[in-house]
């Protein structure tokens, strides 16, 4: 399966991407940091460098995926000017716009095993 994972190389996304690759899936990992590209590729995944704030980037990256794992990344909670609810809404709307229902499986990947059993 072709699976796109958000969350770069975080505590959830890195082990998920690693296990999916080990199970033979073609995995694309989204990161906003270009310096993460080599580490992503070292896992055997494809790096997609861009912002979750960019709905067009997400749509292009999700295109052709059988499943996507979408998470909302932590914001700078110490920024007193941050409207956290607006941040969550913005990212959620970007995900909703980017997912192409006829071409992307609607699965919730709770763990790597779920990717193989529930979305196959």
PDB file of N, CA and C in Angstrom:
ATOM      1  N   UNK A   1       0.827  -1.180   0.000  1.00  0.00           N
ATOM      2  CA  UNK A   1       0.000   0.000   0.000  1.00  0.00           C
ATOM      3  C   UNK A   1       0.871   1.243   0.000  1.00  0.00           C
ATOM      4  N   UNK A   2       0.320   2.309  -0.539  1.00  0.00           N
ATOM      5  CA  UNK A   2       0.970   3.614  -0.477  1.00  0.00           C
ATOM      6  C   UNK A   2       0.343   4.385   0.674  1.00  0.00           C
ATOM      7  N   UNK A   3       1.173   4.705   1.675  1.00  0.00           N
ATOM      8  CA  UNK A   3       0.679   5.347   2.882  1.00  0.00           C
ATOM      9  C   UNK A   3       1.478   6.626   3.130  1.00  0.00           C
ATOM     10  N   UNK A   4       0.759   7.707   3.405  1.00  0.00           N
ATOM     11  CA  UNK A   4       1.399   8.975   3.732  1.00  0.00           C
ATOM     12  C   UNK A   4       1.229   9.215   5.228  1.00  0.00           C
ATOM     13  N   UNK A   5       2.332   9.594   5.878  1.00  0.00           N
ATOM     14  CA  UNK A   5       2.357   9.789   7.320  1.00  0.00           C
ATOM     15  C   UNK A   5       2.767  11.226   7.620  1.00  0.00           C
ATOM     16  N   UNK A   6       1.971  11.917   8.422  1.00  0.00           N
ATOM     17  CA  UNK A   6       2.370  13.232   8.902  1.00  0.00           C
ATOM     18  C   UNK A   6       3.037  13.055  10.266  1.00  0.00           C
ATOM     19  N   UNK A   7       3.689  14.093  10.729  1.00  0.00           N
ATOM     20  CA  UNK A   7       4.334  14.021  12.030  1.00  0.00           C
ATOM     21  C   UNK A   7       5.831  13.840  11.961  1.00  0.00           C
ATOM     22  N   UNK A   8       6.384  13.911  10.763  1.00  0.00           N
ATOM     23  CA  UNK A   8       7.823  13.824  10.550  1.00  0.00           C
ATOM     24  C   UNK A   8       8.412  12.610  11.257  1.00  0.00           C
ATOM     25  N   UNK A   9       9.410  12.819  12.069  1.00  0.00           N
ATOM     26  CA  UNK A   9      10.068  11.720  12.770  1.00  0.00           C
ATOM     27  C   UNK A   9       9.803  11.814  14.272  1.00  0.00           C
ATOM     28  N   UNK A  10       8.564  12.102  14.615  1.00  0.00           N
ATOM     29  CA  UNK A  10       8.193  12.244  16.014  1.00  0.00           C
ATOM     30  C   UNK A  10       8.027  10.906  16.712  1.00  0.00           C
ATOM     31  N   UNK A  11       7.581  10.970  17.950  1.00  0.00           N
ATOM     32  CA  UNK A  11       7.477   9.792  18.805  1.00  0.00           C
ATOM     33  C   UNK A  11       6.474   8.766  18.290  1.00  0.00           C
ATOM     34  N   UNK A  12       5.486   9.183  17.542  1.00  0.00           N
ATOM     35  CA  UNK A  12       4.500   8.268  16.972  1.00  0.00           C
ATOM     36  C   UNK A  12       4.830   7.963  15.520  1.00  0.00           C
ATOM     37  N   UNK A  13       5.094   8.993  14.745  1.00  0.00           N
ATOM     38  CA  UNK A  13       5.250   8.820  13.298  1.00  0.00           C
ATOM     39  C   UNK A  13       6.499   8.057  12.899  1.00  0.00           C
ATOM     40  N   UNK A  14       7.608   8.240  13.597  1.00  0.00           N
ATOM     41  CA  UNK A  14       8.828   7.526  13.218  1.00  0.00           C
ATOM     42  C   UNK A  14       8.673   6.013  13.386  1.00  0.00           C
ATOM     43  N   UNK A  15       8.237   5.507  14.552  1.00  0.00           N
ATOM     44  CA  UNK A  15       8.079   4.059  14.656  1.00  0.00           C
ATOM     45  C   UNK A  15       7.008   3.519  13.713  1.00  0.00           C
ATOM     46  N   UNK A  16       5.953   4.314  13.483  1.00  0.00           N
ATOM     47  CA  UNK A  16       4.913   3.894  12.555  1.00  0.00           C
ATOM     48  C   UNK A  16       5.479   3.757  11.152  1.00  0.00           C
ATOM     49  N   UNK A  17       6.185   4.790  10.683  1.00  0.00           N
ATOM     50  CA  UNK A  17       6.772   4.750   9.340  1.00  0.00           C
ATOM     51  C   UNK A  17       7.760   3.592   9.213  1.00  0.00           C
ATOM     52  N   UNK A  18       8.582   3.399  10.217  1.00  0.00           N
ATOM     53  CA  UNK A  18       9.580   2.322  10.192  1.00  0.00           C
ATOM     54  C   UNK A  18       8.912   0.957  10.055  1.00  0.00           C
ATOM     55  N   UNK A  19       7.878   0.709  10.850  1.00  0.00           N
ATOM     56  CA  UNK A  19       7.201  -0.587  10.782  1.00  0.00           C
ATOM     57  C   UNK A  19       6.468  -0.772   9.456  1.00  0.00           C
ATOM     58  N   UNK A  20       5.833   0.286   8.965  1.00  0.00           N
ATOM     59  CA  UNK A  20       5.138   0.176   7.678  1.00  0.00           C
ATOM     60  C   UNK A  20       6.109  -0.154   6.553  1.00  0.00           C
ATOM     61  N   UNK A  21       7.271   0.495   6.555  1.00  0.00           N
ATOM     62  CA  UNK A  21       8.296   0.203   5.540  1.00  0.00           C
ATOM     63  C   UNK A  21       8.754  -1.244   5.677  1.00  0.00           C
ATOM     64  N   UNK A  22       8.989  -1.705   6.910  1.00  0.00           N
ATOM     65  CA  UNK A  22       9.438  -3.081   7.137  1.00  0.00           C
ATOM     66  C   UNK A  22       8.411  -4.102   6.642  1.00  0.00           C
ATOM     67  N   UNK A  23       7.139  -3.723   6.659  1.00  0.00           N
ATOM     68  CA  UNK A  23       6.075  -4.611   6.188  1.00  0.00           C
ATOM     69  C   UNK A  23       5.867  -4.512   4.681  1.00  0.00           C
ATOM     70  N   UNK A  24       6.700  -3.714   4.012  1.00  0.00           N
ATOM     71  CA  UNK A  24       6.663  -3.649   2.557  1.00  0.00           C
ATOM     72  C   UNK A  24       5.802  -2.556   1.961  1.00  0.00           C
ATOM     73  N   UNK A  25       5.296  -1.660   2.778  1.00  0.00           N
ATOM     74  CA  UNK A  25       4.485  -0.567   2.257  1.00  0.00           C
ATOM     75  C   UNK A  25       5.373   0.546   1.711  1.00  0.00           C
ATOM     76  N   UNK A  26       4.857   1.270   0.728  1.00  0.00           N
ATOM     77  CA  UNK A  26       5.539   2.463   0.215  1.00  0.00           C
ATOM     78  C   UNK A  26       5.062   3.633   1.072  1.00  0.00           C
ATOM     79  N   UNK A  27       5.969   4.216   1.842  1.00  0.00           N
ATOM     80  CA  UNK A  27       5.614   5.232   2.830  1.00  0.00           C
ATOM     81  C   UNK A  27       6.219   6.580   2.451  1.00  0.00           C
ATOM     82  N   UNK A  28       5.385   7.598   2.512  1.00  0.00           N
ATOM     83  CA  UNK A  28       5.839   8.978   2.357  1.00  0.00           C
ATOM     84  C   UNK A  28       5.651   9.663   3.700  1.00  0.00           C
ATOM     85  N   UNK A  29       6.704  10.312   4.189  1.00  0.00           N
ATOM     86  CA  UNK A  29       6.652  11.007   5.468  1.00  0.00           C
ATOM     87  C   UNK A  29       6.746  12.505   5.213  1.00  0.00           C
ATOM     88  N   UNK A  30       5.785  13.235   5.752  1.00  0.00           N
ATOM     89  CA  UNK A  30       5.772  14.691   5.621  1.00  0.00           C
ATOM     90  C   UNK A  30       6.542  15.313   6.779  1.00  0.00           C
ATOM     91  N   UNK A  31       7.429  16.238   6.436  1.00  0.00           N
ATOM     92  CA  UNK A  31       8.165  17.012   7.439  1.00  0.00           C
ATOM     93  C   UNK A  31       8.278  18.448   6.949  1.00  0.00           C
ATOM     94  N   UNK A  32       8.276  19.363   7.882  1.00  0.00           N
ATOM     95  CA  UNK A  32       8.467  20.770   7.515  1.00  0.00           C
ATOM     96  C   UNK A  32       9.942  21.147   7.522  1.00  0.00           C
ATOM     97  N   UNK A  33      10.800  20.225   7.941  1.00  0.00           N
ATOM     98  CA  UNK A  33      12.223  20.531   8.100  1.00  0.00           C
ATOM     99  C   UNK A  33      13.063  19.809   7.049  1.00  0.00           C
ATOM    100  N   UNK A  34      13.670  20.561   6.123  1.00  0.00           N
ATOM    101  CA  UNK A  34      14.495  19.939   5.083  1.00  0.00           C
ATOM    102  C   UNK A  34      15.631  19.084   5.644  1.00  0.00           C
ATOM    103  N   UNK A  35      16.138  19.433   6.821  1.00  0.00           N
ATOM    104  CA  UNK A  35      17.241  18.662   7.395  1.00  0.00           C
ATOM    105  C   UNK A  35      16.813  17.261   7.823  1.00  0.00           C
ATOM    106  N   UNK A  36      15.518  16.976   7.845  1.00  0.00           N
ATOM    107  CA  UNK A  36      15.019  15.637   8.197  1.00  0.00           C
ATOM    108  C   UNK A  36      14.965  14.692   6.993  1.00  0.00           C
ATOM    109  N   UNK A  37      15.160  15.222   5.791  1.00  0.00           N
ATOM    110  CA  UNK A  37      15.006  14.416   4.584  1.00  0.00           C
ATOM    111  C   UNK A  37      15.883  13.170   4.601  1.00  0.00           C
ATOM    112  N   UNK A  38      17.155  13.306   4.928  1.00  0.00           N
ATOM    113  CA  UNK A  38      18.063  12.150   4.921  1.00  0.00           C
ATOM    114  C   UNK A  38      17.623  11.094   5.934  1.00  0.00           C
ATOM    115  N   UNK A  39      17.231  11.532   7.132  1.00  0.00           N
ATOM    116  CA  UNK A  39      16.787  10.587   8.157  1.00  0.00           C
ATOM    117  C   UNK A  39      15.528   9.839   7.717  1.00  0.00           C
ATOM    118  N   UNK A  40      14.629  10.531   7.049  1.00  0.00           N
ATOM    119  CA  UNK A  40      13.414   9.891   6.531  1.00  0.00           C
ATOM    120  C   UNK A  40      13.789   8.860   5.475  1.00  0.00           C
ATOM    121  N   UNK A  41      14.655   9.250   4.569  1.00  0.00           N
ATOM    122  CA  UNK A  41      15.067   8.337   3.503  1.00  0.00           C
ATOM    123  C   UNK A  41      15.856   7.155   4.059  1.00  0.00           C
ATOM    124  N   UNK A  42      16.608   7.370   5.146  1.00  0.00           N
ATOM    125  CA  UNK A  42      17.337   6.268   5.781  1.00  0.00           C
ATOM    126  C   UNK A  42      16.389   5.206   6.341  1.00  0.00           C
ATOM    127  N   UNK A  43      15.151   5.591   6.649  1.00  0.00           N
ATOM    128  CA  UNK A  43      14.140   4.627   7.099  1.00  0.00           C
ATOM    129  C   UNK A  43      13.607   3.784   5.939  1.00  0.00           C
ATOM    130  N   UNK A  44      13.884   4.236   4.708  1.00  0.00           N
ATOM    131  CA  UNK A  44      13.335   3.568   3.533  1.00  0.00           C
ATOM    132  C   UNK A  44      12.062   4.222   3.039  1.00  0.00           C
ATOM    133  N   UNK A  45      11.747   5.390   3.572  1.00  0.00           N
ATOM    134  CA  UNK A  45      10.551   6.131   3.179  1.00  0.00           C
ATOM    135  C   UNK A  45      10.928   7.271   2.245  1.00  0.00           C
ATOM    136  N   UNK A  46       9.923   7.834   1.621  1.00  0.00           N
ATOM    137  CA  UNK A  46      10.092   9.004   0.770  1.00  0.00           C
ATOM    138  C   UNK A  46       9.792  10.245   1.602  1.00  0.00           C
ATOM    139  N   UNK A  47      10.639  11.240   1.511  1.00  0.00           N
ATOM    140  CA  UNK A  47      10.427  12.483   2.249  1.00  0.00           C
ATOM    141  C   UNK A  47       9.629  13.464   1.394  1.00  0.00           C
ATOM    142  N   UNK A  48       8.640  14.097   2.014  1.00  0.00           N
ATOM    143  CA  UNK A  48       7.899  15.188   1.393  1.00  0.00           C
ATOM    144  C   UNK A  48       8.066  16.385   2.320  1.00  0.00           C
ATOM    145  N   UNK A  49       8.807  17.373   1.866  1.00  0.00           N
ATOM    146  CA  UNK A  49       9.128  18.520   2.706  1.00  0.00           C
ATOM    147  C   UNK A  49       8.173  19.665   2.386  1.00  0.00           C
ATOM    148  N   UNK A  50       7.415  20.072   3.397  1.00  0.00           N
ATOM    149  CA  UNK A  50       6.453  21.149   3.207  1.00  0.00           C
ATOM    150  C   UNK A  50       5.688  21.401   4.488  1.00  0.00           C
ATOM    151  N   UNK A  51       4.693  22.247   4.399  1.00  0.00           N
ATOM    152  CA  UNK A  51       3.963  22.692   5.577  1.00  0.00           C
ATOM    153  C   UNK A  51       2.542  22.136   5.601  1.00  0.00           C
ATOM    154  N   UNK A  52       2.092  21.747   6.792  1.00  0.00           N
ATOM    155  CA  UNK A  52       0.702  21.331   6.970  1.00  0.00           C
ATOM    156  C   UNK A  52      -0.240  22.520   6.804  1.00  0.00           C
ATOM    157  N   UNK A  53       0.308  23.714   6.826  1.00  0.00           N
ATOM    158  CA  UNK A  53      -0.480  24.931   6.612  1.00  0.00           C
ATOM    159  C   UNK A  53      -0.777  25.146   5.124  1.00  0.00           C
ATOM    160  N   UNK A  54      -0.153  24.368   4.260  1.00  0.00           N
ATOM    161  CA  UNK A  54      -0.292  24.506   2.807  1.00  0.00           C
ATOM    162  C   UNK A  54      -1.189  23.390   2.269  1.00  0.00           C
ATOM    163  N   UNK A  55      -2.464  23.692   2.092  1.00  0.00           N
ATOM    164  CA  UNK A  55      -3.432  22.688   1.637  1.00  0.00           C
ATOM    165  C   UNK A  55      -3.074  22.127   0.263  1.00  0.00           C
ATOM    166  N   UNK A  56      -2.512  22.950  -0.622  1.00  0.00           N
ATOM    167  CA  UNK A  56      -2.126  22.461  -1.956  1.00  0.00           C
ATOM    168  C   UNK A  56      -0.980  21.453  -1.849  1.00  0.00           C
ATOM    169  N   UNK A  57      -0.011  21.720  -0.977  1.00  0.00           N
ATOM    170  CA  UNK A  57       1.085  20.769  -0.743  1.00  0.00           C
ATOM    171  C   UNK A  57       0.525  19.448  -0.220  1.00  0.00           C
ATOM    172  N   UNK A  58      -0.396  19.540   0.751  1.00  0.00           N
ATOM    173  CA  UNK A  58      -0.988  18.319   1.301  1.00  0.00           C
ATOM    174  C   UNK A  58      -1.743  17.547   0.229  1.00  0.00           C
ATOM    175  N   UNK A  59      -2.527  18.242  -0.580  1.00  0.00           N
ATOM    176  CA  UNK A  59      -3.292  17.564  -1.638  1.00  0.00           C
ATOM    177  C   UNK A  59      -2.362  16.852  -2.605  1.00  0.00           C
ATOM    178  N   UNK A  60      -1.284  17.508  -2.987  1.00  0.00           N
ATOM    179  CA  UNK A  60      -0.325  16.888  -3.914  1.00  0.00           C
ATOM    180  C   UNK A  60       0.358  15.686  -3.265  1.00  0.00           C
ATOM    181  N   UNK A  61       0.684  15.795  -1.982  1.00  0.00           N
ATOM    182  CA  UNK A  61       1.378  14.719  -1.279  1.00  0.00           C
ATOM    183  C   UNK A  61       0.436  13.547  -0.996  1.00  0.00           C
ATOM    184  N   UNK A  62      -0.824  13.808  -0.695  1.00  0.00           N
ATOM    185  CA  UNK A  62      -1.798  12.749  -0.429  1.00  0.00           C
ATOM    186  C   UNK A  62      -2.275  12.071  -1.710  1.00  0.00           C
ATOM    187  N   UNK A  63      -2.120  12.734  -2.842  1.00  0.00           N
ATOM    188  CA  UNK A  63      -2.638  12.203  -4.106  1.00  0.00           C
ATOM    189  C   UNK A  63      -2.077  10.811  -4.383  1.00  0.00           C
ATOM    190  N   UNK A  64      -2.958   9.879  -4.654  1.00  0.00           N
ATOM    191  CA  UNK A  64      -2.557   8.515  -4.983  1.00  0.00           C
ATOM    192  C   UNK A  64      -2.309   7.625  -3.784  1.00  0.00           C
ATOM    193  N   UNK A  65      -2.399   8.181  -2.578  1.00  0.00           N
ATOM    194  CA  UNK A  65      -2.179   7.370  -1.378  1.00  0.00           C
ATOM    195  C   UNK A  65      -3.389   6.469  -1.137  1.00  0.00           C
ATOM    196  N   UNK A  66      -3.114   5.270  -0.658  1.00  0.00           N
ATOM    197  CA  UNK A  66      -4.194   4.375  -0.255  1.00  0.00           C
ATOM    198  C   UNK A  66      -4.721   4.748   1.122  1.00  0.00           C
ATOM    199  N   UNK A  67      -3.857   5.319   1.950  1.00  0.00           N
ATOM    200  CA  UNK A  67      -4.241   5.743   3.299  1.00  0.00           C
ATOM    201  C   UNK A  67      -3.326   6.868   3.741  1.00  0.00           C
ATOM    202  N   UNK A  68      -3.851   7.708   4.606  1.00  0.00           N
ATOM    203  CA  UNK A  68      -3.046   8.779   5.184  1.00  0.00           C
ATOM    204  C   UNK A  68      -3.223   8.759   6.694  1.00  0.00           C
ATOM    205  N   UNK A  69      -2.132   9.037   7.402  1.00  0.00           N
ATOM    206  CA  UNK A  69      -2.158   9.167   8.857  1.00  0.00           C
ATOM    207  C   UNK A  69      -1.976  10.648   9.146  1.00  0.00           C
ATOM    208  N   UNK A  70      -3.029  11.272   9.647  1.00  0.00           N
ATOM    209  CA  UNK A  70      -3.021  12.715   9.887  1.00  0.00           C
ATOM    210  C   UNK A  70      -3.002  12.986  11.380  1.00  0.00           C
ATOM    211  N   UNK A  71      -2.049  13.780  11.783  1.00  0.00           N
ATOM    212  CA  UNK A  71      -2.029  14.203  13.182  1.00  0.00           C
ATOM    213  C   UNK A  71      -1.826  15.714  13.226  1.00  0.00           C
ATOM    214  N   UNK A  72      -2.280  16.303  14.299  1.00  0.00           N
ATOM    215  CA  UNK A  72      -2.072  17.732  14.499  1.00  0.00           C
ATOM    216  C   UNK A  72      -0.847  17.884  15.385  1.00  0.00           C
ATOM    217  N   UNK A  73       0.148  18.539  14.846  1.00  0.00           N
ATOM    218  CA  UNK A  73       1.399  18.715  15.562  1.00  0.00           C
ATOM    219  C   UNK A  73       1.256  19.748  16.672  1.00  0.00           C
ATOM    220  N   UNK A  74       2.030  19.600  17.720  1.00  0.00           N
ATOM    221  CA  UNK A  74       1.973  20.595  18.795  1.00  0.00           C
ATOM    222  C   UNK A  74       2.347  21.986  18.275  1.00  0.00           C
ATOM    223  N   UNK A  75       1.690  22.963  18.817  1.00  0.00           N
ATOM    224  CA  UNK A  75       2.005  24.352  18.480  1.00  0.00           C
ATOM    225  C   UNK A  75       2.919  24.918  19.568  1.00  0.00           C
ATOM    226  N   UNK A  76       3.321  26.146  19.384  1.00  0.00           N
ATOM    227  CA  UNK A  76       4.117  26.818  20.412  1.00  0.00           C
ATOM    228  C   UNK A  76       3.164  27.324  21.492  1.00  0.00           C
ATOM    229  N   UNK A  77       2.935  26.505  22.475  1.00  0.00           N
ATOM    230  CA  UNK A  77       1.958  26.819  23.510  1.00  0.00           C
ATOM    231  C   UNK A  77       2.387  27.983  24.404  1.00  0.00           C
ATOM    232  N   UNK A  78       3.637  28.393  24.320  1.00  0.00           N
ATOM    233  CA  UNK A  78       4.116  29.529  25.104  1.00  0.00           C
ATOM    234  C   UNK A  78       3.878  30.861  24.394  1.00  0.00           C
ATOM    235  N   UNK A  79       3.417  30.802  23.148  1.00  0.00           N
ATOM    236  CA  UNK A  79       3.108  32.006  22.386  1.00  0.00           C
ATOM    237  C   UNK A  79       1.747  32.523  22.839  1.00  0.00           C
ATOM    238  N   UNK A  80       1.739  33.624  23.559  1.00  0.00           N
ATOM    239  CA  UNK A  80       0.496  34.167  24.103  1.00  0.00           C
ATOM    240  C   UNK A  80      -0.420  34.724  23.017  1.00  0.00           C
ATOM    241  N   UNK A  81       0.089  34.908  21.811  1.00  0.00           N
ATOM    242  CA  UNK A  81      -0.723  35.400  20.705  1.00  0.00           C
ATOM    243  C   UNK A  81      -1.357  34.268  19.907  1.00  0.00           C
ATOM    244  N   UNK A  82      -1.026  33.028  20.249  1.00  0.00           N
ATOM    245  CA  UNK A  82      -1.529  31.870  19.510  1.00  0.00           C
ATOM    246  C   UNK A  82      -3.004  31.641  19.815  1.00  0.00           C
ATOM    247  N   UNK A  83      -3.797  31.560  18.775  1.00  0.00           N
ATOM    248  CA  UNK A  83      -5.198  31.162  18.897  1.00  0.00           C
ATOM    249  C   UNK A  83      -5.227  29.661  18.616  1.00  0.00           C
ATOM    250  N   UNK A  84      -5.134  28.866  19.670  1.00  0.00           N
ATOM    251  CA  UNK A  84      -4.991  27.421  19.538  1.00  0.00           C
ATOM    252  C   UNK A  84      -6.167  26.793  18.808  1.00  0.00           C
ATOM    253  N   UNK A  85      -7.369  27.222  19.118  1.00  0.00           N
ATOM    254  CA  UNK A  85      -8.539  26.673  18.447  1.00  0.00           C
ATOM    255  C   UNK A  85      -8.494  26.965  16.944  1.00  0.00           C
ATOM    256  N   UNK A  86      -8.101  28.168  16.583  1.00  0.00           N
ATOM    257  CA  UNK A  86      -7.983  28.514  15.157  1.00  0.00           C
ATOM    258  C   UNK A  86      -6.909  27.669  14.485  1.00  0.00           C
ATOM    259  N   UNK A  87      -5.804  27.409  15.188  1.00  0.00           N
ATOM    260  CA  UNK A  87      -4.731  26.547  14.657  1.00  0.00           C
ATOM    261  C   UNK A  87      -5.268  25.151  14.357  1.00  0.00           C
ATOM    262  N   UNK A  88      -5.997  24.574  15.323  1.00  0.00           N
ATOM    263  CA  UNK A  88      -6.565  23.237  15.117  1.00  0.00           C
ATOM    264  C   UNK A  88      -7.565  23.226  13.962  1.00  0.00           C
ATOM    265  N   UNK A  89      -8.404  24.238  13.896  1.00  0.00           N
ATOM    266  CA  UNK A  89      -9.376  24.323  12.801  1.00  0.00           C
ATOM    267  C   UNK A  89      -8.680  24.444  11.445  1.00  0.00           C
ATOM    268  N   UNK A  90      -7.655  25.275  11.393  1.00  0.00           N
ATOM    269  CA  UNK A  90      -6.930  25.501  10.139  1.00  0.00           C
ATOM    270  C   UNK A  90      -6.315  24.196   9.630  1.00  0.00           C
ATOM    271  N   UNK A  91      -5.618  23.472  10.516  1.00  0.00           N
ATOM    272  CA  UNK A  91      -5.004  22.215  10.079  1.00  0.00           C
ATOM    273  C   UNK A  91      -6.056  21.178   9.723  1.00  0.00           C
ATOM    274  N   UNK A  92      -7.111  21.098  10.509  1.00  0.00           N
ATOM    275  CA  UNK A  92      -8.189  20.152  10.203  1.00  0.00           C
ATOM    276  C   UNK A  92      -8.828  20.441   8.853  1.00  0.00           C
ATOM    277  N   UNK A  93      -9.048  21.705   8.572  1.00  0.00           N
ATOM    278  CA  UNK A  93      -9.615  22.088   7.268  1.00  0.00           C
ATOM    279  C   UNK A  93      -8.653  21.768   6.135  1.00  0.00           C
ATOM    280  N   UNK A  94      -7.355  21.984   6.357  1.00  0.00           N
ATOM    281  CA  UNK A  94      -6.372  21.648   5.332  1.00  0.00           C
ATOM    282  C   UNK A  94      -6.382  20.155   5.039  1.00  0.00           C
ATOM    283  N   UNK A  95      -6.450  19.343   6.086  1.00  0.00           N
ATOM    284  CA  UNK A  95      -6.530  17.895   5.884  1.00  0.00           C
ATOM    285  C   UNK A  95      -7.788  17.530   5.110  1.00  0.00           C
ATOM    286  N   UNK A  96      -8.918  18.094   5.508  1.00  0.00           N
ATOM    287  CA  UNK A  96     -10.188  17.777   4.846  1.00  0.00           C
ATOM    288  C   UNK A  96     -10.149  18.150   3.370  1.00  0.00           C
ATOM    289  N   UNK A  97      -9.551  19.290   3.050  1.00  0.00           N
ATOM    290  CA  UNK A  97      -9.458  19.709   1.648  1.00  0.00           C
ATOM    291  C   UNK A  97      -8.501  18.830   0.849  1.00  0.00           C
ATOM    292  N   UNK A  98      -7.463  18.341   1.518  1.00  0.00           N
ATOM    293  CA  UNK A  98      -6.409  17.605   0.815  1.00  0.00           C
ATOM    294  C   UNK A  98      -6.761  16.145   0.549  1.00  0.00           C
ATOM    295  N   UNK A  99      -7.620  15.586   1.363  1.00  0.00           N
ATOM    296  CA  UNK A  99      -7.950  14.167   1.185  1.00  0.00           C
ATOM    297  C   UNK A  99      -8.953  14.044   0.055  1.00  0.00           C
ATOM    298  N   UNK A 100      -8.596  13.226  -0.907  1.00  0.00           N
ATOM    299  CA  UNK A 100      -9.434  12.998  -2.080  1.00  0.00           C
ATOM    300  C   UNK A 100     -10.207  11.702  -1.839  1.00  0.00           C
ATOM    301  N   UNK A 101     -11.462  11.777  -1.367  1.00  0.00           N
ATOM    302  CA  UNK A 101     -12.185  10.572  -0.956  1.00  0.00           C
ATOM    303  C   UNK A 101     -12.209   9.425  -1.970  1.00  0.00           C
ATOM    304  N   UNK A 102     -12.352   9.673  -3.276  1.00  0.00           N
ATOM    305  CA  UNK A 102     -12.382   8.527  -4.179  1.00  0.00           C
ATOM    306  C   UNK A 102     -11.040   7.797  -4.284  1.00  0.00           C
ATOM    307  N   UNK A 103      -9.947   8.461  -3.940  1.00  0.00           N
ATOM    308  CA  UNK A 103      -8.633   7.879  -4.150  1.00  0.00           C
ATOM    309  C   UNK A 103      -7.865   7.557  -2.873  1.00  0.00           C
ATOM    310  N   UNK A 104      -8.377   7.956  -1.716  1.00  0.00           N
ATOM    311  CA  UNK A 104      -7.661   7.756  -0.466  1.00  0.00           C
ATOM    312  C   UNK A 104      -8.528   6.953   0.486  1.00  0.00           C
ATOM    313  N   UNK A 105      -8.002   5.850   0.972  1.00  0.00           N
ATOM    314  CA  UNK A 105      -8.742   5.029   1.924  1.00  0.00           C
ATOM    315  C   UNK A 105      -9.010   5.832   3.189  1.00  0.00           C
ATOM    316  N   UNK A 106     -10.172   5.632   3.763  1.00  0.00           N
ATOM    317  CA  UNK A 106     -10.501   6.320   5.017  1.00  0.00           C
ATOM    318  C   UNK A 106     -10.301   5.335   6.159  1.00  0.00           C
ATOM    319  N   UNK A 107      -9.092   5.262   6.620  1.00  0.00           N
ATOM    320  CA  UNK A 107      -8.752   4.367   7.717  1.00  0.00           C
ATOM    321  C   UNK A 107      -8.110   5.162   8.821  1.00  0.00           C
ATOM    322  N   UNK A 108      -8.331   4.731  10.032  1.00  0.00           N
ATOM    323  CA  UNK A 108      -7.624   5.306  11.169  1.00  0.00           C
ATOM    324  C   UNK A 108      -6.532   4.326  11.540  1.00  0.00           C
ATOM    325  N   UNK A 109      -5.328   4.734  11.357  1.00  0.00           N
ATOM    326  CA  UNK A 109      -4.196   3.874  11.649  1.00  0.00           C
ATOM    327  C   UNK A 109      -3.801   4.082  13.098  1.00  0.00           C
ATOM    328  N   UNK A 110      -4.326   3.268  13.984  1.00  0.00           N
ATOM    329  CA  UNK A 110      -4.015   3.430  15.405  1.00  0.00           C
ATOM    330  C   UNK A 110      -2.656   2.863  15.746  1.00  0.00           C
ATOM    331  N   UNK A 111      -2.231   1.909  14.970  1.00  0.00           N
ATOM    332  CA  UNK A 111      -0.870   1.396  15.127  1.00  0.00           C
ATOM    333  C   UNK A 111      -0.469   0.770  13.808  1.00  0.00           C
ATOM    334  N   UNK A 112       0.756   0.416  13.707  1.00  0.00           N
ATOM    335  CA  UNK A 112       1.272  -0.096  12.434  1.00  0.00           C
ATOM    336  C   UNK A 112       0.569  -1.379  12.032  1.00  0.00           C
ATOM    337  N   UNK A 113       0.195  -2.211  12.987  1.00  0.00           N
ATOM    338  CA  UNK A 113      -0.486  -3.464  12.655  1.00  0.00           C
ATOM    339  C   UNK A 113      -1.830  -3.185  11.993  1.00  0.00           C
ATOM    340  N   UNK A 114      -2.475  -2.113  12.392  1.00  0.00           N
ATOM    341  CA  UNK A 114      -3.755  -1.769  11.798  1.00  0.00           C
ATOM    342  C   UNK A 114      -3.631  -1.482  10.323  1.00  0.00           C
ATOM    343  N   UNK A 115      -2.510  -0.945   9.916  1.00  0.00           N
ATOM    344  CA  UNK A 115      -2.307  -0.624   8.507  1.00  0.00           C
ATOM    345  C   UNK A 115      -2.355  -1.887   7.659  1.00  0.00           C
ATOM    346  N   UNK A 116      -1.815  -2.956   8.169  1.00  0.00           N
ATOM    347  CA  UNK A 116      -1.787  -4.196   7.413  1.00  0.00           C
ATOM    348  C   UNK A 116      -3.106  -4.935   7.465  1.00  0.00           C
ATOM    349  N   UNK A 117      -3.774  -4.932   8.605  1.00  0.00           N
ATOM    350  CA  UNK A 117      -4.962  -5.761   8.758  1.00  0.00           C
ATOM    351  C   UNK A 117      -6.256  -5.067   8.356  1.00  0.00           C
ATOM    352  N   UNK A 118      -6.405  -3.782   8.690  1.00  0.00           N
ATOM    353  CA  UNK A 118      -7.683  -3.108   8.448  1.00  0.00           C
ATOM    354  C   UNK A 118      -7.744  -2.392   7.113  1.00  0.00           C
ATOM    355  N   UNK A 119      -6.600  -2.034   6.551  1.00  0.00           N
ATOM    356  CA  UNK A 119      -6.622  -1.242   5.317  1.00  0.00           C
ATOM    357  C   UNK A 119      -6.153  -2.038   4.121  1.00  0.00           C
ATOM    358  N   UNK A 120      -5.883  -3.292   4.276  1.00  0.00           N
ATOM    359  CA  UNK A 120      -5.386  -4.101   3.159  1.00  0.00           C
ATOM    360  C   UNK A 120      -6.498  -4.449   2.216  1.00  0.00           C
TER     361      UNK A 120
END
